[in-house]
């Protein structure tokens, strides 16, 4: 079904990117990501018959639903000609900041984005902050292969990213996803 959604979303001019993946650590758990030209474009598209019909079909298949709207904090991505085939692996990171650390997290994530993006095999890294809960931050990355991600995750540089975060967060989750659907404008 997600592959069908990805191909039909090509009809939505305000949608720039759509990806869906299945969690390697929680089989049967799927995450979908969409990048829109604006918040208003997303809200307008949500009233389209295409979107409402697919949303209803998905609701019948799922047990837990979330709908996080994220304010973009920044992203880095390879140009289309350098990307080639769709990525094989996506990474989703959810971070909940301590109330007194919310203000410093965007600058920290900006620096971390640059470090992760330099790693071979990373094609996109972006961060967002939840509209409804400003202490909720999300990271999303696309990797050419599981081997490239594993090389990064097992490198000493990973500590440069996670160690300074320890005192700033209430909780943190990391999901490694196999790509099941992918579409770009």
Protein backbone atom coordinates (compact mmCIF):
# COMPACT_ATOMS: atom_id res chain seq x y z
CA UNK A 1 0.00 0.00 0.00
CA UNK A 2 2.81 2.42 0.85
CA UNK A 3 4.34 1.97 -2.62
CA UNK A 4 0.96 2.89 -4.11
CA UNK A 5 0.80 5.99 -1.93
CA UNK A 6 4.30 7.03 -2.99
CA UNK A 7 3.46 6.75 -6.69
CA UNK A 8 0.14 8.56 -6.34
CA UNK A 9 1.73 11.37 -4.33
CA UNK A 10 3.56 12.36 -7.52
CA UNK A 11 0.26 14.08 -8.39
CA UNK A 12 0.59 16.47 -5.44
CA UNK A 13 2.66 19.44 -6.65
CA UNK A 14 3.31 20.74 -3.13
CA UNK A 15 4.91 17.49 -1.99
CA UNK A 16 8.66 17.55 -2.51
CA UNK A 17 9.65 14.23 -0.96
CA UNK A 18 7.93 11.14 0.41
CA UNK A 19 9.58 8.13 1.99
CA UNK A 20 8.33 5.22 4.03
CA UNK A 21 10.31 2.55 5.80
CA UNK A 22 9.85 -0.49 7.99
CA UNK A 23 11.72 -0.61 11.27
CA UNK A 24 14.47 -3.19 11.55
CA UNK A 25 14.17 -3.20 15.34
CA UNK A 26 10.35 -3.27 15.46
CA UNK A 27 9.08 -5.32 12.49
CA UNK A 28 5.55 -4.33 11.53
CA UNK A 29 6.25 -0.73 12.54
CA UNK A 30 6.32 1.69 9.61
CA UNK A 31 7.27 5.35 9.49
CA UNK A 32 6.30 7.77 6.73
CA UNK A 33 8.02 11.07 6.01
CA UNK A 34 6.81 13.86 3.77
CA UNK A 35 8.46 17.16 2.87
CA UNK A 36 6.06 19.89 1.72
CA UNK A 37 6.60 23.30 0.14
CA UNK A 38 4.77 24.94 3.07
CA UNK A 39 2.59 24.19 6.08
CA UNK A 40 -0.42 25.61 4.25
CA UNK A 41 0.23 23.34 1.25
CA UNK A 42 0.22 20.35 3.60
CA UNK A 43 -3.04 21.44 5.22
CA UNK A 44 -4.65 22.08 1.82
CA UNK A 45 -3.52 18.69 0.48
CA UNK A 46 -5.01 17.01 3.55
CA UNK A 47 -8.46 17.94 2.25
CA UNK A 48 -7.86 16.44 -1.20
CA UNK A 49 -9.84 13.25 -1.95
CA UNK A 50 -6.57 11.46 -2.76
CA UNK A 51 -5.18 12.16 0.72
CA UNK A 52 -8.40 11.56 2.67
CA UNK A 53 -9.02 8.23 0.94
CA UNK A 54 -5.51 6.99 1.59
CA UNK A 55 -5.57 8.22 5.17
CA UNK A 56 -8.78 6.25 5.81
CA UNK A 57 -7.30 3.11 4.23
CA UNK A 58 -4.15 3.42 6.36
CA UNK A 59 -6.18 3.94 9.54
CA UNK A 60 -7.89 0.59 8.94
CA UNK A 61 -4.51 -1.14 8.83
CA UNK A 62 -2.80 0.49 11.83
CA UNK A 63 -3.05 0.19 15.58
CA UNK A 64 -1.01 3.25 16.63
CA UNK A 65 -1.13 6.51 14.71
CA UNK A 66 0.91 9.68 15.06
CA UNK A 67 0.85 12.85 13.02
CA UNK A 68 3.77 15.05 13.94
CA UNK A 69 4.16 18.36 12.15
CA UNK A 70 7.74 19.52 12.25
CA UNK A 71 9.15 22.99 11.81
CA UNK A 72 12.32 22.51 9.70
CA UNK A 73 15.53 23.37 11.51
CA UNK A 74 17.73 22.59 8.53
CA UNK A 75 18.88 19.94 6.15
CA UNK A 76 21.78 18.93 3.96
CA UNK A 77 21.38 16.73 0.91
CA UNK A 78 23.34 15.59 -2.09
CA UNK A 79 22.22 17.11 -5.41
CA UNK A 80 19.89 14.88 -7.48
CA UNK A 81 22.61 13.98 -9.97
CA UNK A 82 24.83 12.69 -7.15
CA UNK A 83 22.15 10.55 -5.51
CA UNK A 84 21.47 7.83 -8.06
CA UNK A 85 19.04 5.13 -6.95
CA UNK A 86 16.85 5.70 -3.87
CA UNK A 87 18.55 5.05 -0.53
CA UNK A 88 18.38 1.58 0.97
CA UNK A 89 18.25 2.70 4.60
CA UNK A 90 16.62 5.54 6.47
CA UNK A 91 17.26 6.56 10.06
CA UNK A 92 14.71 8.26 12.27
CA UNK A 93 15.80 9.82 15.56
CA UNK A 94 13.40 11.22 18.13
CA UNK A 95 14.76 13.38 20.93
CA UNK A 96 12.87 14.98 23.81
CA UNK A 97 14.88 17.82 25.33
CA UNK A 98 14.91 18.81 28.97
CA UNK A 99 12.82 21.95 29.38
CA UNK A 100 15.86 24.08 30.24
CA UNK A 101 17.85 22.75 27.23
CA UNK A 102 15.33 23.32 24.41
CA UNK A 103 16.96 26.61 23.34
CA UNK A 104 20.45 25.14 22.83
CA UNK A 105 19.40 22.07 20.84
CA UNK A 106 18.88 23.71 17.39
CA UNK A 107 22.47 25.02 17.31
CA UNK A 108 23.78 21.65 18.49
CA UNK A 109 21.81 19.84 15.75
CA UNK A 110 23.09 22.27 13.10
CA UNK A 111 26.67 21.37 13.97
CA UNK A 112 25.87 17.65 14.13
CA UNK A 113 24.19 17.76 10.69
CA UNK A 114 27.44 18.94 9.12
CA UNK A 115 29.44 16.19 10.82
CA UNK A 116 27.05 13.38 9.83
CA UNK A 117 26.73 14.66 6.26
CA UNK A 118 30.51 14.37 5.75
CA UNK A 119 30.33 10.63 6.36
CA UNK A 120 30.58 8.47 3.20
CA UNK A 121 27.21 7.03 2.19
CA UNK A 122 25.07 9.69 3.86
CA UNK A 123 22.89 11.35 1.24
CA UNK A 124 20.55 13.44 3.38
CA UNK A 125 20.32 14.61 6.97
CA UNK A 126 17.64 16.91 8.35
CA UNK A 127 16.19 18.01 11.67
CA UNK A 128 12.84 19.38 12.73
CA UNK A 129 11.13 20.64 15.84
CA UNK A 130 7.54 19.71 16.65
CA UNK A 131 4.98 22.51 16.24
CA UNK A 132 2.87 21.25 19.15
CA UNK A 133 5.67 20.33 21.53
CA UNK A 134 8.81 22.46 21.17
CA UNK A 135 10.82 20.08 23.36
CA UNK A 136 10.32 17.32 20.75
CA UNK A 137 13.00 17.16 18.04
CA UNK A 138 13.25 14.80 15.11
CA UNK A 139 16.18 13.77 12.95
CA UNK A 140 15.90 11.99 9.62
CA UNK A 141 18.67 10.60 7.46
CA UNK A 142 19.04 8.62 4.26
CA UNK A 143 21.95 6.28 3.64
CA UNK A 144 23.15 4.48 0.53
CA UNK A 145 23.49 1.18 2.37
CA UNK A 146 23.32 -0.53 5.72
CA UNK A 147 27.09 -0.99 5.51
CA UNK A 148 27.63 2.79 5.27
CA UNK A 149 25.34 3.39 8.24
CA UNK A 150 27.03 0.62 10.25
CA UNK A 151 30.45 2.13 9.51
CA UNK A 152 29.25 5.45 10.91
CA UNK A 153 27.44 3.92 13.90
CA UNK A 154 30.55 1.92 14.85
CA UNK A 155 32.98 4.83 14.40
CA UNK A 156 34.54 6.92 17.17
CA UNK A 157 32.79 9.96 15.62
CA UNK A 158 29.43 8.66 16.84
CA UNK A 159 30.47 9.56 20.38
CA UNK A 160 31.12 13.14 19.21
CA UNK A 161 27.42 13.29 18.40
CA UNK A 162 25.77 11.38 21.26
CA UNK A 163 28.01 12.21 24.24
CA UNK A 164 27.16 15.95 24.42
CA UNK A 165 23.46 15.09 24.07
CA UNK A 166 23.28 12.99 27.23
CA UNK A 167 22.72 15.90 29.58
CA UNK A 168 20.29 17.69 27.27
CA UNK A 169 17.68 14.99 26.70
CA UNK A 170 14.91 13.33 28.64
CA UNK A 171 14.67 10.53 26.07
CA UNK A 172 16.03 9.48 22.71
CA UNK A 173 15.08 6.75 20.23
CA UNK A 174 16.79 5.65 17.06
CA UNK A 175 14.98 3.66 14.37
CA UNK A 176 16.80 2.08 11.43
CA UNK A 177 14.35 1.59 8.56
CA UNK A 178 14.44 -0.39 5.35
CA UNK A 179 13.04 1.74 2.52
CA UNK A 180 9.70 0.40 1.28
CA UNK A 181 8.43 3.44 -0.62
CA UNK A 182 10.15 6.49 -2.04
CA UNK A 183 9.14 9.41 -4.26
CA UNK A 184 10.69 12.78 -5.06
CA UNK A 185 9.51 15.69 -7.21
